[in-house]
Amino acid sequence: MNYQDVISIEPGKRGGRPCIRHMRIAVADVLGWLAAGQSHAQILDDFPELTEDDIRACLSYAADRERRLITAPI
């Protein structure tokens, strides 16, 4: 999944948070819904402007950020 084609960051939109396809739906929103236990189908029912690929792009974006995270040794 090439999330760069789906995820956009615009300084004046949602405080510069990563959003889906220039919409006002942030990656963090989608990740929060998934973490709360919503299924992909429930999210798509609530937000018909989203696609399955949009949800996958959010997950891919989060995985990429996690891989890039640098942690200090304890």
PDB file of N, CA and C in Angstrom:
ATOM      1  N   MET A   1       0.847  -1.186   0.000  1.00  0.00           N
ATOM      2  CA  MET A   1       0.000   0.000   0.000  1.00  0.00           C
ATOM      3  C   MET A   1       0.885   1.239   0.000  1.00  0.00           C
ATOM      4  N   ASN A   2       0.697   2.090  -0.975  1.00  0.00           N
ATOM      5  CA  ASN A   2       1.428   3.351  -1.057  1.00  0.00           C
ATOM      6  C   ASN A   2       0.537   4.451  -0.474  1.00  0.00           C
ATOM      7  N   TYR A   3       0.647   4.655   0.829  1.00  0.00           N
ATOM      8  CA  TYR A   3      -0.233   5.607   1.495  1.00  0.00           C
ATOM      9  C   TYR A   3       0.008   7.043   1.037  1.00  0.00           C
ATOM     10  N   GLN A   4       1.159   7.340   0.443  1.00  0.00           N
ATOM     11  CA  GLN A   4       1.451   8.705   0.009  1.00  0.00           C
ATOM     12  C   GLN A   4       0.441   9.198  -1.033  1.00  0.00           C
ATOM     13  N   ASP A   5      -0.198   8.285  -1.742  1.00  0.00           N
ATOM     14  CA  ASP A   5      -1.206   8.674  -2.731  1.00  0.00           C
ATOM     15  C   ASP A   5      -2.545   9.011  -2.075  1.00  0.00           C
ATOM     16  N   VAL A   6      -2.709   8.660  -0.806  1.00  0.00           N
ATOM     17  CA  VAL A   6      -3.988   8.830  -0.119  1.00  0.00           C
ATOM     18  C   VAL A   6      -3.910   9.858   1.003  1.00  0.00           C
ATOM     19  N   ILE A   7      -2.823   9.853   1.751  1.00  0.00           N
ATOM     20  CA  ILE A   7      -2.681  10.715   2.924  1.00  0.00           C
ATOM     21  C   ILE A   7      -2.086  12.056   2.509  1.00  0.00           C
ATOM     22  N   SER A   8      -2.733  13.135   2.950  1.00  0.00           N
ATOM     23  CA  SER A   8      -2.252  14.485   2.633  1.00  0.00           C
ATOM     24  C   SER A   8      -2.079  15.278   3.928  1.00  0.00           C
ATOM     25  N   ILE A   9      -1.110  16.181   3.909  1.00  0.00           N
ATOM     26  CA  ILE A   9      -0.883  17.067   5.050  1.00  0.00           C
ATOM     27  C   ILE A   9      -0.924  18.497   4.524  1.00  0.00           C
ATOM     28  N   GLU A  10      -1.875  19.262   5.037  1.00  0.00           N
ATOM     29  CA  GLU A  10      -2.036  20.651   4.642  1.00  0.00           C
ATOM     30  C   GLU A  10      -1.981  21.513   5.901  1.00  0.00           C
ATOM     31  N   PRO A  11      -1.069  22.484   5.954  1.00  0.00           N
ATOM     32  CA  PRO A  11      -0.885  23.271   7.176  1.00  0.00           C
ATOM     33  C   PRO A  11      -2.170  23.899   7.722  1.00  0.00           C
ATOM     34  N   GLY A  12      -3.070  24.348   6.884  1.00  0.00           N
ATOM     35  CA  GLY A  12      -4.282  25.026   7.353  1.00  0.00           C
ATOM     36  C   GLY A  12      -5.458  24.115   7.634  1.00  0.00           C
ATOM     37  N   LYS A  13      -5.287  22.834   7.466  1.00  0.00           N
ATOM     38  CA  LYS A  13      -6.402  21.898   7.642  1.00  0.00           C
ATOM     39  C   LYS A  13      -6.133  20.988   8.827  1.00  0.00           C
ATOM     40  N   ARG A  14      -7.078  20.954   9.759  1.00  0.00           N
ATOM     41  CA  ARG A  14      -6.987  20.094  10.957  1.00  0.00           C
ATOM     42  C   ARG A  14      -5.658  20.282  11.681  1.00  0.00           C
ATOM     43  N   GLY A  15      -5.156  21.504  11.688  1.00  0.00           N
ATOM     44  CA  GLY A  15      -3.919  21.803  12.399  1.00  0.00           C
ATOM     45  C   GLY A  15      -2.696  21.138  11.799  1.00  0.00           C
ATOM     46  N   GLY A  16      -2.756  20.836  10.510  1.00  0.00           N
ATOM     47  CA  GLY A  16      -1.620  20.196   9.848  1.00  0.00           C
ATOM     48  C   GLY A  16      -1.524  18.703  10.088  1.00  0.00           C
ATOM     49  N   ARG A  17      -2.561  18.131  10.675  1.00  0.00           N
ATOM     50  CA  ARG A  17      -2.563  16.686  10.908  1.00  0.00           C
ATOM     51  C   ARG A  17      -2.784  15.956   9.581  1.00  0.00           C
ATOM     52  N   PRO A  18      -2.240  14.753   9.442  1.00  0.00           N
ATOM     53  CA  PRO A  18      -2.431  13.978   8.218  1.00  0.00           C
ATOM     54  C   PRO A  18      -3.913  13.633   8.022  1.00  0.00           C
ATOM     55  N   CYS A  19      -4.408  13.897   6.828  1.00  0.00           N
ATOM     56  CA  CYS A  19      -5.812  13.648   6.494  1.00  0.00           C
ATOM     57  C   CYS A  19      -5.902  12.738   5.266  1.00  0.00           C
ATOM     58  N   ILE A  20      -7.103  12.280   5.021  1.00  0.00           N
ATOM     59  CA  ILE A  20      -7.351  11.379   3.903  1.00  0.00           C
ATOM     60  C   ILE A  20      -7.812  12.173   2.692  1.00  0.00           C
ATOM     61  N   ARG A  21      -7.104  12.022   1.593  1.00  0.00           N
ATOM     62  CA  ARG A  21      -7.450  12.600   0.285  1.00  0.00           C
ATOM     63  C   ARG A  21      -7.961  14.037   0.358  1.00  0.00           C
ATOM     64  N   HIS A  22      -7.257  14.880   1.083  1.00  0.00           N
ATOM     65  CA  HIS A  22      -7.578  16.304   1.179  1.00  0.00           C
ATOM     66  C   HIS A  22      -8.931  16.565   1.850  1.00  0.00           C
ATOM     67  N   MET A  23      -9.526  15.553   2.462  1.00  0.00           N
ATOM     68  CA  MET A  23     -10.761  15.741   3.226  1.00  0.00           C
ATOM     69  C   MET A  23     -10.388  16.186   4.636  1.00  0.00           C
ATOM     70  N   ARG A  24     -11.374  16.404   5.455  1.00  0.00           N
ATOM     71  CA  ARG A  24     -11.128  16.812   6.837  1.00  0.00           C
ATOM     72  C   ARG A  24     -11.168  15.614   7.788  1.00  0.00           C
ATOM     73  N   ILE A  25     -11.109  14.427   7.258  1.00  0.00           N
ATOM     74  CA  ILE A  25     -11.059  13.218   8.083  1.00  0.00           C
ATOM     75  C   ILE A  25      -9.586  12.881   8.298  1.00  0.00           C
ATOM     76  N   ALA A  26      -9.163  12.958   9.563  1.00  0.00           N
ATOM     77  CA  ALA A  26      -7.755  12.746   9.888  1.00  0.00           C
ATOM     78  C   ALA A  26      -7.447  11.260  10.044  1.00  0.00           C
ATOM     79  N   VAL A  27      -6.198  10.925   9.787  1.00  0.00           N
ATOM     80  CA  VAL A  27      -5.717   9.556   9.991  1.00  0.00           C
ATOM     81  C   VAL A  27      -5.985   9.147  11.437  1.00  0.00           C
ATOM     82  N   ALA A  28      -5.735  10.049  12.377  1.00  0.00           N
ATOM     83  CA  ALA A  28      -5.948   9.750  13.796  1.00  0.00           C
ATOM     84  C   ALA A  28      -7.411   9.415  14.090  1.00  0.00           C
ATOM     85  N   ASP A  29      -8.340  10.045  13.372  1.00  0.00           N
ATOM     86  CA  ASP A  29      -9.758   9.724  13.552  1.00  0.00           C
ATOM     87  C   ASP A  29     -10.018   8.260  13.200  1.00  0.00           C
ATOM     88  N   VAL A  30      -9.540   7.867  12.043  1.00  0.00           N
ATOM     89  CA  VAL A  30      -9.762   6.491  11.577  1.00  0.00           C
ATOM     90  C   VAL A  30      -9.094   5.491  12.519  1.00  0.00           C
ATOM     91  N   LEU A  31      -7.870   5.778  12.926  1.00  0.00           N
ATOM     92  CA  LEU A  31      -7.172   4.881  13.848  1.00  0.00           C
ATOM     93  C   LEU A  31      -7.905   4.793  15.180  1.00  0.00           C
ATOM     94  N   GLY A  32      -8.449   5.897  15.637  1.00  0.00           N
ATOM     95  CA  GLY A  32      -9.217   5.899  16.883  1.00  0.00           C
ATOM     96  C   GLY A  32     -10.472   5.058  16.775  1.00  0.00           C
ATOM     97  N   TRP A  33     -11.162   5.152  15.647  1.00  0.00           N
ATOM     98  CA  TRP A  33     -12.368   4.343  15.455  1.00  0.00           C
ATOM     99  C   TRP A  33     -12.026   2.861  15.442  1.00  0.00           C
ATOM    100  N   LEU A  34     -10.936   2.520  14.763  1.00  0.00           N
ATOM    101  CA  LEU A  34     -10.511   1.122  14.729  1.00  0.00           C
ATOM    102  C   LEU A  34     -10.121   0.646  16.131  1.00  0.00           C
ATOM    103  N   ALA A  35      -9.402   1.475  16.869  1.00  0.00           N
ATOM    104  CA  ALA A  35      -8.983   1.118  18.222  1.00  0.00           C
ATOM    105  C   ALA A  35     -10.187   0.955  19.152  1.00  0.00           C
ATOM    106  N   ALA A  36     -11.252   1.692  18.874  1.00  0.00           N
ATOM    107  CA  ALA A  36     -12.467   1.600  19.688  1.00  0.00           C
ATOM    108  C   ALA A  36     -13.285   0.357  19.353  1.00  0.00           C
ATOM    109  N   GLY A  37     -12.853  -0.376  18.334  1.00  0.00           N
ATOM    110  CA  GLY A  37     -13.524  -1.625  18.000  1.00  0.00           C
ATOM    111  C   GLY A  37     -14.454  -1.568  16.801  1.00  0.00           C
ATOM    112  N   GLN A  38     -14.510  -0.422  16.131  1.00  0.00           N
ATOM    113  CA  GLN A  38     -15.354  -0.351  14.936  1.00  0.00           C
ATOM    114  C   GLN A  38     -14.723  -1.175  13.822  1.00  0.00           C
ATOM    115  N   SER A  39     -15.562  -1.851  13.078  1.00  0.00           N
ATOM    116  CA  SER A  39     -15.081  -2.615  11.926  1.00  0.00           C
ATOM    117  C   SER A  39     -14.922  -1.681  10.730  1.00  0.00           C
ATOM    118  N   HIS A  40     -14.230  -2.174   9.740  1.00  0.00           N
ATOM    119  CA  HIS A  40     -14.094  -1.395   8.502  1.00  0.00           C
ATOM    120  C   HIS A  40     -15.475  -1.098   7.940  1.00  0.00           C
ATOM    121  N   ALA A  41     -16.357  -2.081   7.959  1.00  0.00           N
ATOM    122  CA  ALA A  41     -17.703  -1.908   7.404  1.00  0.00           C
ATOM    123  C   ALA A  41     -18.472  -0.824   8.159  1.00  0.00           C
ATOM    124  N   GLN A  42     -18.341  -0.777   9.481  1.00  0.00           N
ATOM    125  CA  GLN A  42     -19.031   0.257  10.263  1.00  0.00           C
ATOM    126  C   GLN A  42     -18.510   1.642   9.914  1.00  0.00           C
ATOM    127  N   ILE A  43     -17.214   1.772   9.779  1.00  0.00           N
ATOM    128  CA  ILE A  43     -16.626   3.069   9.424  1.00  0.00           C
ATOM    129  C   ILE A  43     -17.099   3.501   8.042  1.00  0.00           C
ATOM    130  N   LEU A  44     -17.103   2.573   7.102  1.00  0.00           N
ATOM    131  CA  LEU A  44     -17.534   2.899   5.736  1.00  0.00           C
ATOM    132  C   LEU A  44     -19.022   3.235   5.688  1.00  0.00           C
ATOM    133  N   ASP A  45     -19.825   2.609   6.545  1.00  0.00           N
ATOM    134  CA  ASP A  45     -21.246   2.957   6.620  1.00  0.00           C
ATOM    135  C   ASP A  45     -21.433   4.371   7.168  1.00  0.00           C
ATOM    136  N   ASP A  46     -20.645   4.723   8.192  1.00  0.00           N
ATOM    137  CA  ASP A  46     -20.758   6.046   8.804  1.00  0.00           C
ATOM    138  C   ASP A  46     -20.180   7.148   7.928  1.00  0.00           C
ATOM    139  N   PHE A  47     -19.180   6.803   7.132  1.00  0.00           N
ATOM    140  CA  PHE A  47     -18.485   7.779   6.282  1.00  0.00           C
ATOM    141  C   PHE A  47     -18.377   7.227   4.862  1.00  0.00           C
ATOM    142  N   PRO A  48     -19.463   7.310   4.089  1.00  0.00           N
ATOM    143  CA  PRO A  48     -19.465   6.715   2.749  1.00  0.00           C
ATOM    144  C   PRO A  48     -18.456   7.336   1.786  1.00  0.00           C
ATOM    145  N   GLU A  49     -17.905   8.503   2.137  1.00  0.00           N
ATOM    146  CA  GLU A  49     -16.886   9.108   1.283  1.00  0.00           C
ATOM    147  C   GLU A  49     -15.545   8.398   1.406  1.00  0.00           C
ATOM    148  N   LEU A  50     -15.382   7.570   2.438  1.00  0.00           N
ATOM    149  CA  LEU A  50     -14.162   6.783   2.611  1.00  0.00           C
ATOM    150  C   LEU A  50     -14.242   5.474   1.842  1.00  0.00           C
ATOM    151  N   THR A  51     -13.082   4.915   1.555  1.00  0.00           N
ATOM    152  CA  THR A  51     -13.000   3.617   0.890  1.00  0.00           C
ATOM    153  C   THR A  51     -12.170   2.662   1.746  1.00  0.00           C
ATOM    154  N   GLU A  52     -12.242   1.411   1.414  1.00  0.00           N
ATOM    155  CA  GLU A  52     -11.417   0.411   2.094  1.00  0.00           C
ATOM    156  C   GLU A  52      -9.933   0.764   1.944  1.00  0.00           C
ATOM    157  N   ASP A  53      -9.550   1.239   0.784  1.00  0.00           N
ATOM    158  CA  ASP A  53      -8.150   1.644   0.567  1.00  0.00           C
ATOM    159  C   ASP A  53      -7.751   2.804   1.473  1.00  0.00           C
ATOM    160  N   ASP A  54      -8.683   3.701   1.772  1.00  0.00           N
ATOM    161  CA  ASP A  54      -8.384   4.805   2.689  1.00  0.00           C
ATOM    162  C   ASP A  54      -8.038   4.267   4.078  1.00  0.00           C
ATOM    163  N   ILE A  55      -8.808   3.300   4.542  1.00  0.00           N
ATOM    164  CA  ILE A  55      -8.558   2.712   5.861  1.00  0.00           C
ATOM    165  C   ILE A  55      -7.213   1.996   5.861  1.00  0.00           C
ATOM    166  N   ARG A  56      -6.933   1.255   4.820  1.00  0.00           N
ATOM    167  CA  ARG A  56      -5.641   0.571   4.718  1.00  0.00           C
ATOM    168  C   ARG A  56      -4.486   1.571   4.672  1.00  0.00           C
ATOM    169  N   ALA A  57      -4.695   2.689   3.997  1.00  0.00           N
ATOM    170  CA  ALA A  57      -3.655   3.718   3.930  1.00  0.00           C
ATOM    171  C   ALA A  57      -3.374   4.285   5.321  1.00  0.00           C
ATOM    172  N   CYS A  58      -4.405   4.468   6.132  1.00  0.00           N
ATOM    173  CA  CYS A  58      -4.210   4.951   7.502  1.00  0.00           C
ATOM    174  C   CYS A  58      -3.378   3.954   8.301  1.00  0.00           C
ATOM    175  N   LEU A  59      -3.687   2.682   8.162  1.00  0.00           N
ATOM    176  CA  LEU A  59      -2.922   1.655   8.873  1.00  0.00           C
ATOM    177  C   LEU A  59      -1.481   1.606   8.382  1.00  0.00           C
ATOM    178  N   SER A  60      -1.301   1.730   7.091  1.00  0.00           N
ATOM    179  CA  SER A  60       0.045   1.720   6.517  1.00  0.00           C
ATOM    180  C   SER A  60       0.840   2.937   6.991  1.00  0.00           C
ATOM    181  N   TYR A  61       0.195   4.088   7.030  1.00  0.00           N
ATOM    182  CA  TYR A  61       0.839   5.313   7.512  1.00  0.00           C
ATOM    183  C   TYR A  61       1.284   5.133   8.963  1.00  0.00           C
ATOM    184  N   ALA A  62       0.400   4.593   9.796  1.00  0.00           N
ATOM    185  CA  ALA A  62       0.730   4.388  11.209  1.00  0.00           C
ATOM    186  C   ALA A  62       1.873   3.390  11.370  1.00  0.00           C
ATOM    187  N   ALA A  63       1.857   2.326  10.583  1.00  0.00           N
ATOM    188  CA  ALA A  63       2.933   1.330  10.652  1.00  0.00           C
ATOM    189  C   ALA A  63       4.262   1.956  10.238  1.00  0.00           C
ATOM    190  N   ASP A  64       4.244   2.784   9.212  1.00  0.00           N
ATOM    191  CA  ASP A  64       5.469   3.436   8.757  1.00  0.00           C
ATOM    192  C   ASP A  64       6.002   4.396   9.822  1.00  0.00           C
ATOM    193  N   ARG A  65       5.122   5.142  10.453  1.00  0.00           N
ATOM    194  CA  ARG A  65       5.555   6.054  11.532  1.00  0.00           C
ATOM    195  C   ARG A  65       6.148   5.270  12.687  1.00  0.00           C
ATOM    196  N   GLU A  66       5.564   4.144  13.005  1.00  0.00           N
ATOM    197  CA  GLU A  66       6.065   3.315  14.105  1.00  0.00           C
ATOM    198  C   GLU A  66       7.457   2.778  13.783  1.00  0.00           C
ATOM    199  N   ARG A  67       7.660   2.385  12.549  1.00  0.00           N
ATOM    200  CA  ARG A  67       8.986   1.876  12.138  1.00  0.00           C
ATOM    201  C   ARG A  67      10.040   2.976  12.242  1.00  0.00           C
ATOM    202  N   ARG A  68       9.646   4.209  12.007  1.00  0.00           N
ATOM    203  CA  ARG A  68      10.589   5.332  12.025  1.00  0.00           C
ATOM    204  C   ARG A  68      10.817   5.895  13.419  1.00  0.00           C
ATOM    205  N   LEU A  69      10.001   5.490  14.386  1.00  0.00           N
ATOM    206  CA  LEU A  69      10.105   6.002  15.743  1.00  0.00           C
ATOM    207  C   LEU A  69      11.408   5.584  16.381  1.00  0.00           C
ATOM    208  N   ILE A  70      12.110   6.541  16.940  1.00  0.00           N
ATOM    209  CA  ILE A  70      13.371   6.261  17.630  1.00  0.00           C
ATOM    210  C   ILE A  70      13.103   6.320  19.125  1.00  0.00           C
ATOM    211  N   THR A  71      13.466   5.282  19.824  1.00  0.00           N
ATOM    212  CA  THR A  71      13.251   5.262  21.256  1.00  0.00           C
ATOM    213  C   THR A  71      14.591   5.272  21.985  1.00  0.00           C
ATOM    214  N   ALA A  72      14.581   5.892  23.124  1.00  0.00           N
ATOM    215  CA  ALA A  72      15.788   5.955  23.954  1.00  0.00           C
ATOM    216  C   ALA A  72      15.870   4.677  24.795  1.00  0.00           C
ATOM    217  N   PRO A  73      17.068   4.137  24.982  1.00  0.00           N
ATOM    218  CA  PRO A  73      17.185   2.954  25.826  1.00  0.00           C
ATOM    219  C   PRO A  73      16.856   3.283  27.278  1.00  0.00           C
ATOM    220  N   ILE A  74      16.324   2.311  27.949  1.00  0.00           N
ATOM    221  CA  ILE A  74      15.941   2.503  29.363  1.00  0.00           C
ATOM    222  C   ILE A  74      17.096   2.146  30.271  1.00  0.00           C
TER     223      ILE A  74
END
